[in-house]
Amino acid sequence: MREDIDELKSELQAKLLFWKNIKSKKIKALLILLCFGLIGLKVFTTILTFDWLAGLI
């Protein structure tokens, strides 16, 4: 369990370092929009899937 927590911390630190090394605000904004887009797509498709399943019953 301790190794998993240490691995998670190191991954988080690596991602934070990557984020701090990006100098362009346009690229940061693009990454944020991409992240929100992927989350929105996942939520949208999940809702459609559950509506389709509810229609079968």
C-alpha atoms as a PDB file:
ATOM      1  CA  MET A   1       0.000   0.000   0.000  1.00  0.00           C
ATOM      2  CA  ARG A   2       2.834   2.367   0.847  1.00  0.00           C
ATOM      3  CA  GLU A   3       4.505   1.726  -2.519  1.00  0.00           C
ATOM      4  CA  ASP A   4       1.278   2.584  -4.331  1.00  0.00           C
ATOM      5  CA  ILE A   5       0.997   5.880  -2.489  1.00  0.00           C
ATOM      6  CA  ASP A   6       4.632   6.721  -3.256  1.00  0.00           C
ATOM      7  CA  GLU A   7       4.105   5.863  -6.935  1.00  0.00           C
ATOM      8  CA  LEU A   8       0.995   8.042  -7.060  1.00  0.00           C
ATOM      9  CA  LYS A   9       2.883  10.947  -5.480  1.00  0.00           C
ATOM     10  CA  SER A  10       5.752  10.625  -7.958  1.00  0.00           C
ATOM     11  CA  GLU A  11       3.321  10.540 -10.909  1.00  0.00           C
ATOM     12  CA  LEU A  12       1.540  13.616  -9.593  1.00  0.00           C
ATOM     13  CA  GLN A  13       4.846  15.441  -9.144  1.00  0.00           C
ATOM     14  CA  ALA A  14       5.883  14.532 -12.703  1.00  0.00           C
ATOM     15  CA  LYS A  15       2.614  15.864 -14.116  1.00  0.00           C
ATOM     16  CA  LEU A  16       2.923  19.053 -12.063  1.00  0.00           C
ATOM     17  CA  LEU A  17       6.487  19.535 -13.300  1.00  0.00           C
ATOM     18  CA  PHE A  18       5.297  19.032 -16.887  1.00  0.00           C
ATOM     19  CA  TRP A  19       2.563  21.646 -16.338  1.00  0.00           C
ATOM     20  CA  LYS A  20       5.027  24.157 -14.861  1.00  0.00           C
ATOM     21  CA  ASN A  21       7.411  23.688 -17.800  1.00  0.00           C
ATOM     22  CA  ILE A  22       4.777  24.714 -20.352  1.00  0.00           C
ATOM     23  CA  LYS A  23       5.407  28.384 -21.085  1.00  0.00           C
ATOM     24  CA  SER A  24       2.642  29.090 -23.593  1.00  0.00           C
ATOM     25  CA  LYS A  25      -0.728  30.124 -22.198  1.00  0.00           C
ATOM     26  CA  LYS A  26      -2.386  29.022 -25.435  1.00  0.00           C
ATOM     27  CA  ILE A  27      -1.138  25.456 -25.006  1.00  0.00           C
ATOM     28  CA  LYS A  28      -2.258  25.423 -21.361  1.00  0.00           C
ATOM     29  CA  ALA A  29      -5.706  26.664 -22.382  1.00  0.00           C
ATOM     30  CA  LEU A  30      -5.857  24.021 -25.123  1.00  0.00           C
ATOM     31  CA  LEU A  31      -4.967  21.258 -22.647  1.00  0.00           C
ATOM     32  CA  ILE A  32      -7.633  22.470 -20.208  1.00  0.00           C
ATOM     33  CA  LEU A  33     -10.265  22.577 -22.966  1.00  0.00           C
ATOM     34  CA  LEU A  34      -9.225  19.112 -24.134  1.00  0.00           C
ATOM     35  CA  CYS A  35      -9.582  17.768 -20.607  1.00  0.00           C
ATOM     36  CA  PHE A  36     -13.052  19.303 -20.181  1.00  0.00           C
ATOM     37  CA  GLY A  37     -14.023  18.035 -23.624  1.00  0.00           C
ATOM     38  CA  LEU A  38     -13.037  14.469 -22.772  1.00  0.00           C
ATOM     39  CA  ILE A  39     -14.893  14.625 -19.461  1.00  0.00           C
ATOM     40  CA  GLY A  40     -17.959  16.092 -21.181  1.00  0.00           C
ATOM     41  CA  LEU A  41     -17.857  13.424 -23.871  1.00  0.00           C
ATOM     42  CA  LYS A  42     -17.662  10.674 -21.261  1.00  0.00           C
ATOM     43  CA  VAL A  43     -20.608  12.102 -19.303  1.00  0.00           C
ATOM     44  CA  PHE A  44     -22.664  12.664 -22.462  1.00  0.00           C
ATOM     45  CA  THR A  45     -22.134   9.144 -23.782  1.00  0.00           C
ATOM     46  CA  THR A  46     -22.842   7.620 -20.371  1.00  0.00           C
ATOM     47  CA  ILE A  47     -26.151   9.479 -20.125  1.00  0.00           C
ATOM     48  CA  LEU A  48     -27.124   8.384 -23.611  1.00  0.00           C
ATOM     49  CA  THR A  49     -26.229   4.786 -22.797  1.00  0.00           C
ATOM     50  CA  PHE A  50     -28.371   4.768 -19.661  1.00  0.00           C
ATOM     51  CA  ASP A  51     -31.304   6.372 -21.516  1.00  0.00           C
ATOM     52  CA  TRP A  52     -31.026   3.675 -24.157  1.00  0.00           C
ATOM     53  CA  LEU A  53     -30.948   0.947 -21.519  1.00  0.00           C
ATOM     54  CA  ALA A  54     -33.922   2.470 -19.711  1.00  0.00           C
ATOM     55  CA  GLY A  55     -35.848   2.483 -22.990  1.00  0.00           C
ATOM     56  CA  LEU A  56     -35.417  -1.298 -23.274  1.00  0.00           C
ATOM     57  CA  ILE A  57     -37.065  -1.990 -19.937  1.00  0.00           C
END
